[in-house]
Amino acid sequence: MQDIYNGISAAQLEGAAWRKSQRSNSQGACVELARLDSTTVAMRNSRDPKGTALIYPADAVRAMVGALRAGAFDDLIS
């Protein structure tokens, strides 16, 4: 089993299927996500695909996406 930790190089996450939102722009400044297992999600910067990956519990990512959909962070971009 691979030793996965916060701050691991995204290149070390063998088999990770990275995805970005269909709403991403053509400038490439996007966050990409990969489900590592049933309880863990990795995030990386699309401009640096071999750079640092941040590892989060799937429940935390689910809560963040829900908050984004509800507009909880709209004040940061308006």
N, C-alpha and C. Protein backbone atom coordinates (compact mmCIF):
# COMPACT_ATOMS: atom_id res chain seq x y z
N MET A 1 0.83 -1.18 0.00
CA MET A 1 0.00 0.00 0.00
C MET A 1 0.88 1.25 0.00
N GLN A 2 0.52 2.18 -0.81
CA GLN A 2 1.26 3.43 -0.96
C GLN A 2 1.08 4.32 0.28
N ASP A 3 2.18 4.92 0.74
CA ASP A 3 2.13 5.84 1.88
C ASP A 3 1.72 7.21 1.36
N ILE A 4 0.48 7.61 1.61
CA ILE A 4 -0.07 8.87 1.12
C ILE A 4 -0.14 9.85 2.28
N TYR A 5 0.36 11.05 2.06
CA TYR A 5 0.37 12.08 3.10
C TYR A 5 0.15 13.44 2.48
N ASN A 6 -0.32 14.39 3.28
CA ASN A 6 -0.56 15.75 2.82
C ASN A 6 0.76 16.38 2.40
N GLY A 7 0.82 16.89 1.18
CA GLY A 7 2.04 17.48 0.66
C GLY A 7 2.85 16.55 -0.21
N ILE A 8 2.33 15.36 -0.47
CA ILE A 8 3.02 14.40 -1.35
C ILE A 8 3.05 14.98 -2.77
N SER A 9 4.05 14.62 -3.55
CA SER A 9 4.09 15.02 -4.96
C SER A 9 2.95 14.32 -5.68
N ALA A 10 2.20 15.07 -6.46
CA ALA A 10 1.09 14.49 -7.20
C ALA A 10 1.57 13.39 -8.15
N ALA A 11 2.81 13.49 -8.60
CA ALA A 11 3.38 12.47 -9.49
C ALA A 11 3.51 11.12 -8.79
N GLN A 12 3.57 11.12 -7.47
CA GLN A 12 3.70 9.87 -6.71
C GLN A 12 2.37 9.15 -6.49
N LEU A 13 1.28 9.80 -6.81
CA LEU A 13 -0.04 9.20 -6.60
C LEU A 13 -0.39 8.33 -7.80
N GLU A 14 0.21 7.17 -7.83
CA GLU A 14 0.05 6.24 -8.95
C GLU A 14 -1.40 5.84 -9.12
N GLY A 15 -1.86 5.90 -10.34
CA GLY A 15 -3.22 5.49 -10.64
C GLY A 15 -4.28 6.53 -10.37
N ALA A 16 -3.90 7.71 -9.89
CA ALA A 16 -4.88 8.77 -9.62
C ALA A 16 -5.48 9.24 -10.94
N ALA A 17 -6.79 9.29 -11.01
CA ALA A 17 -7.49 9.78 -12.20
C ALA A 17 -7.91 11.22 -11.93
N TRP A 18 -7.10 12.17 -12.36
CA TRP A 18 -7.32 13.59 -12.07
C TRP A 18 -8.43 14.14 -12.94
N ARG A 19 -9.30 14.97 -12.32
CA ARG A 19 -10.42 15.60 -13.03
C ARG A 19 -10.50 17.05 -12.64
N LYS A 20 -10.94 17.88 -13.58
CA LYS A 20 -11.24 19.27 -13.25
C LYS A 20 -12.64 19.59 -13.72
N SER A 21 -13.17 20.65 -13.19
CA SER A 21 -14.53 21.03 -13.51
C SER A 21 -14.68 21.33 -14.99
N GLN A 22 -15.84 21.00 -15.53
CA GLN A 22 -16.14 21.35 -16.91
C GLN A 22 -16.28 22.86 -17.07
N ARG A 23 -16.41 23.57 -15.95
CA ARG A 23 -16.52 25.02 -15.98
C ARG A 23 -15.16 25.72 -15.94
N SER A 24 -14.10 24.94 -15.93
CA SER A 24 -12.76 25.51 -15.91
C SER A 24 -12.52 26.32 -17.18
N ASN A 25 -11.73 27.38 -17.03
CA ASN A 25 -11.45 28.21 -18.20
C ASN A 25 -10.24 27.70 -18.96
N SER A 26 -9.99 28.27 -20.11
CA SER A 26 -8.88 27.82 -20.96
C SER A 26 -7.52 28.32 -20.49
N GLN A 27 -7.48 29.13 -19.45
CA GLN A 27 -6.23 29.68 -18.95
C GLN A 27 -5.43 28.66 -18.13
N GLY A 28 -6.06 27.59 -17.72
CA GLY A 28 -5.36 26.52 -17.02
C GLY A 28 -5.18 26.74 -15.53
N ALA A 29 -5.75 27.79 -14.98
CA ALA A 29 -5.65 28.05 -13.54
C ALA A 29 -6.76 27.30 -12.82
N CYS A 30 -6.61 26.00 -12.72
CA CYS A 30 -7.69 25.17 -12.20
C CYS A 30 -7.19 24.26 -11.08
N VAL A 31 -8.13 23.84 -10.29
CA VAL A 31 -7.88 22.82 -9.28
C VAL A 31 -8.36 21.50 -9.86
N GLU A 32 -7.54 20.47 -9.73
CA GLU A 32 -7.93 19.14 -10.17
C GLU A 32 -8.09 18.24 -8.95
N LEU A 33 -9.04 17.33 -9.03
CA LEU A 33 -9.34 16.42 -7.93
C LEU A 33 -9.19 14.97 -8.40
N ALA A 34 -8.79 14.12 -7.47
CA ALA A 34 -8.71 12.68 -7.75
C ALA A 34 -9.15 11.94 -6.49
N ARG A 35 -10.08 11.02 -6.64
CA ARG A 35 -10.47 10.16 -5.53
C ARG A 35 -9.42 9.08 -5.39
N LEU A 36 -8.82 8.98 -4.22
CA LEU A 36 -7.77 7.99 -4.00
C LEU A 36 -8.31 6.67 -3.49
N ASP A 37 -9.35 6.75 -2.67
CA ASP A 37 -10.07 5.57 -2.19
C ASP A 37 -11.42 6.06 -1.73
N SER A 38 -12.18 5.24 -1.06
CA SER A 38 -13.55 5.61 -0.70
C SER A 38 -13.64 6.73 0.33
N THR A 39 -12.53 7.03 1.01
CA THR A 39 -12.58 8.06 2.06
C THR A 39 -11.61 9.21 1.85
N THR A 40 -10.85 9.22 0.73
CA THR A 40 -9.79 10.20 0.56
C THR A 40 -9.79 10.81 -0.84
N VAL A 41 -9.62 12.14 -0.89
CA VAL A 41 -9.56 12.88 -2.16
C VAL A 41 -8.28 13.72 -2.17
N ALA A 42 -7.62 13.77 -3.33
CA ALA A 42 -6.44 14.60 -3.49
C ALA A 42 -6.78 15.79 -4.37
N MET A 43 -6.10 16.92 -4.12
CA MET A 43 -6.25 18.12 -4.95
C MET A 43 -4.87 18.57 -5.40
N ARG A 44 -4.80 19.09 -6.63
CA ARG A 44 -3.54 19.64 -7.15
C ARG A 44 -3.84 20.82 -8.06
N ASN A 45 -2.82 21.60 -8.34
CA ASN A 45 -2.90 22.72 -9.25
C ASN A 45 -2.69 22.19 -10.66
N SER A 46 -3.60 22.47 -11.56
CA SER A 46 -3.49 21.95 -12.93
C SER A 46 -2.27 22.49 -13.66
N ARG A 47 -1.77 23.63 -13.25
CA ARG A 47 -0.58 24.20 -13.89
C ARG A 47 0.71 23.50 -13.44
N ASP A 48 0.63 22.73 -12.38
CA ASP A 48 1.80 22.03 -11.85
C ASP A 48 1.43 20.58 -11.54
N PRO A 49 1.18 19.77 -12.56
CA PRO A 49 0.66 18.42 -12.34
C PRO A 49 1.59 17.48 -11.57
N LYS A 50 2.86 17.82 -11.46
CA LYS A 50 3.78 16.99 -10.68
C LYS A 50 4.09 17.63 -9.33
N GLY A 51 3.44 18.76 -9.05
CA GLY A 51 3.68 19.48 -7.80
C GLY A 51 2.96 18.85 -6.62
N THR A 52 2.83 19.61 -5.59
CA THR A 52 2.25 19.15 -4.33
C THR A 52 0.77 18.82 -4.46
N ALA A 53 0.37 17.72 -3.86
CA ALA A 53 -1.03 17.35 -3.75
C ALA A 53 -1.46 17.50 -2.30
N LEU A 54 -2.62 18.07 -2.11
CA LEU A 54 -3.20 18.17 -0.77
C LEU A 54 -4.22 17.06 -0.63
N ILE A 55 -4.17 16.36 0.49
CA ILE A 55 -5.01 15.19 0.72
C ILE A 55 -6.07 15.54 1.76
N TYR A 56 -7.33 15.25 1.44
CA TYR A 56 -8.44 15.58 2.33
C TYR A 56 -9.37 14.38 2.50
N PRO A 57 -10.05 14.31 3.64
CA PRO A 57 -11.12 13.31 3.77
C PRO A 57 -12.24 13.65 2.78
N ALA A 58 -12.83 12.64 2.18
CA ALA A 58 -13.90 12.86 1.22
C ALA A 58 -15.05 13.65 1.83
N ASP A 59 -15.34 13.44 3.11
CA ASP A 59 -16.41 14.19 3.77
C ASP A 59 -16.12 15.68 3.81
N ALA A 60 -14.87 16.07 3.98
CA ALA A 60 -14.48 17.48 4.01
C ALA A 60 -14.66 18.10 2.63
N VAL A 61 -14.30 17.38 1.60
CA VAL A 61 -14.47 17.88 0.24
C VAL A 61 -15.96 18.02 -0.08
N ARG A 62 -16.74 17.03 0.33
CA ARG A 62 -18.19 17.09 0.13
C ARG A 62 -18.79 18.32 0.81
N ALA A 63 -18.35 18.62 2.03
CA ALA A 63 -18.84 19.78 2.76
C ALA A 63 -18.42 21.09 2.06
N MET A 64 -17.19 21.15 1.57
CA MET A 64 -16.72 22.34 0.88
C MET A 64 -17.52 22.58 -0.41
N VAL A 65 -17.74 21.53 -1.20
CA VAL A 65 -18.50 21.68 -2.43
C VAL A 65 -19.93 22.14 -2.12
N GLY A 66 -20.52 21.59 -1.08
CA GLY A 66 -21.86 22.02 -0.67
C GLY A 66 -21.89 23.49 -0.27
N ALA A 67 -20.88 23.93 0.46
CA ALA A 67 -20.81 25.34 0.86
C ALA A 67 -20.61 26.25 -0.35
N LEU A 68 -19.80 25.81 -1.30
CA LEU A 68 -19.61 26.59 -2.53
C LEU A 68 -20.91 26.71 -3.30
N ARG A 69 -21.62 25.60 -3.43
CA ARG A 69 -22.90 25.62 -4.14
C ARG A 69 -23.91 26.52 -3.46
N ALA A 70 -23.86 26.59 -2.13
CA ALA A 70 -24.80 27.41 -1.37
C ALA A 70 -24.41 28.89 -1.34
N GLY A 71 -23.24 29.22 -1.91
CA GLY A 71 -22.83 30.62 -1.96
C GLY A 71 -22.10 31.11 -0.72
N ALA A 72 -21.65 30.20 0.13
CA ALA A 72 -21.02 30.59 1.38
C ALA A 72 -19.74 31.41 1.20
N PHE A 73 -19.11 31.32 0.03
CA PHE A 73 -17.86 32.04 -0.21
C PHE A 73 -17.98 33.12 -1.28
N ASP A 74 -19.20 33.44 -1.68
CA ASP A 74 -19.38 34.42 -2.73
C ASP A 74 -18.79 35.78 -2.39
N ASP A 75 -18.75 36.11 -1.11
CA ASP A 75 -18.20 37.42 -0.70
C ASP A 75 -16.70 37.52 -1.01
N LEU A 76 -16.03 36.41 -1.19
CA LEU A 76 -14.59 36.44 -1.49
C LEU A 76 -14.31 36.81 -2.93
N ILE A 77 -15.30 36.70 -3.81
CA ILE A 77 -15.07 36.98 -5.22
C ILE A 77 -15.96 38.10 -5.76
N SER A 78 -16.69 38.74 -4.91
CA SER A 78 -17.57 39.82 -5.39
C SER A 78 -17.03 41.18 -5.04
